[in-house]
Amino acid sequence: MSESTRPPATPPEPSPATPSVERKSASLFQVVGAVFWSFFGVRKGRAMQQDTATIKLHHVVLVGVVMAALFVFSLIALVSYITRNAP
């Protein structure tokens, strides 16, 4: 057959013998833990692989922004407390 008369390729259908793999979503605690350790730049390889399989990107971004804001506000509160009580 020539290139112009060849029928379009169709993707193979999954066989009933192979179970569909469903991605399990990570809990909020797992996302917070992953973001917390990423602030320090420390993460075990196995845990990182599990995180990439279960954590969705928008969850990481949302938790990261919230945790960064909490960190900044806690630093501001600490500095204002120290400077207010200074002799």
Protein backbone atom coordinates (compact mmCIF):
# COMPACT_ATOMS: atom_id res chain seq x y z
CA MET A 1 0.00 0.00 0.00
CA SER A 2 1.16 3.48 -0.63
CA GLU A 3 1.30 6.18 2.03
CA SER A 4 -1.83 7.94 0.73
CA THR A 5 -4.04 4.81 0.75
CA ARG A 6 -2.99 3.42 4.13
CA PRO A 7 -5.80 3.62 6.72
CA PRO A 8 -5.12 5.81 9.78
CA ALA A 9 -3.55 4.00 12.71
CA THR A 10 -5.80 3.44 15.69
CA PRO A 11 -4.46 3.08 19.22
CA PRO A 12 -4.72 -0.43 20.63
CA GLU A 13 -7.60 -1.02 22.98
CA PRO A 14 -6.71 -2.09 26.52
CA SER A 15 -7.23 -5.77 27.06
CA PRO A 16 -9.62 -6.83 29.81
CA ALA A 17 -6.83 -8.87 31.42
CA THR A 18 -4.81 -5.75 32.29
CA PRO A 19 -6.37 -3.80 35.16
CA SER A 20 -6.50 -0.05 34.82
CA VAL A 21 -4.09 1.68 37.16
CA GLU A 22 -5.83 4.40 39.12
CA ARG A 23 -3.66 7.11 40.63
CA LYS A 24 -4.29 7.47 44.33
CA SER A 25 -4.45 11.09 45.39
CA ALA A 26 -2.26 12.27 48.24
CA SER A 27 -3.75 13.54 51.48
CA LEU A 28 -3.34 17.11 52.67
CA PHE A 29 -0.87 15.91 55.31
CA GLN A 30 1.30 14.27 52.65
CA VAL A 31 1.30 17.41 50.51
CA VAL A 32 2.20 19.60 53.50
CA GLY A 33 5.00 17.21 54.46
CA ALA A 34 6.41 17.19 50.93
CA VAL A 35 6.32 20.99 50.71
CA PHE A 36 7.81 21.35 54.21
CA TRP A 37 10.79 19.14 53.37
CA SER A 38 11.23 20.84 50.01
CA PHE A 39 11.68 24.17 51.81
CA PHE A 40 14.83 22.63 53.31
CA GLY A 41 15.83 20.95 50.04
CA VAL A 42 15.82 17.52 51.65
CA ARG A 43 13.76 14.59 50.39
CA LYS A 44 14.44 10.87 50.22
CA GLY A 45 14.43 9.35 46.74
CA ARG A 46 11.70 6.80 47.45
CA ALA A 47 9.46 9.40 49.08
CA MET A 48 10.03 11.79 46.20
CA GLN A 49 9.01 9.12 43.68
CA GLN A 50 5.86 8.40 45.66
CA ASP A 51 5.10 12.13 45.83
CA THR A 52 5.42 12.57 42.09
CA ALA A 53 3.00 9.69 41.58
CA THR A 54 0.35 10.87 44.05
CA ILE A 55 0.61 14.66 44.47
CA LYS A 56 -0.92 16.94 41.88
CA LEU A 57 0.94 20.09 40.86
CA HIS A 58 -1.82 22.53 41.76
CA HIS A 59 -1.92 21.09 45.31
CA VAL A 60 1.82 21.69 45.69
CA VAL A 61 1.54 25.26 44.43
CA LEU A 62 -1.40 26.08 46.68
CA VAL A 63 0.15 24.57 49.83
CA GLY A 64 3.53 26.15 48.97
CA VAL A 65 2.05 29.64 48.70
CA VAL A 66 0.13 29.23 51.97
CA MET A 67 3.17 27.88 53.82
CA ALA A 68 5.42 30.64 52.45
CA ALA A 69 2.90 33.27 53.56
CA LEU A 70 2.73 31.70 57.04
CA PHE A 71 6.52 31.73 57.23
CA VAL A 72 6.74 35.40 56.23
CA PHE A 73 3.98 36.45 58.64
CA SER A 74 5.61 34.51 61.48
CA LEU A 75 8.93 36.26 60.80
CA ILE A 76 7.18 39.64 60.79
CA ALA A 77 5.44 38.80 64.08
CA LEU A 78 8.71 37.64 65.65
CA VAL A 79 10.60 40.77 64.62
CA SER A 80 7.82 43.07 65.78
CA TYR A 81 7.67 41.23 69.14
CA ILE A 82 11.43 41.52 69.62
CA THR A 83 11.59 45.19 68.66
CA ARG A 84 8.57 46.08 70.81
CA ASN A 85 10.09 44.48 73.91
CA ALA A 86 13.61 45.78 73.35
CA PRO A 87 15.06 47.96 76.16
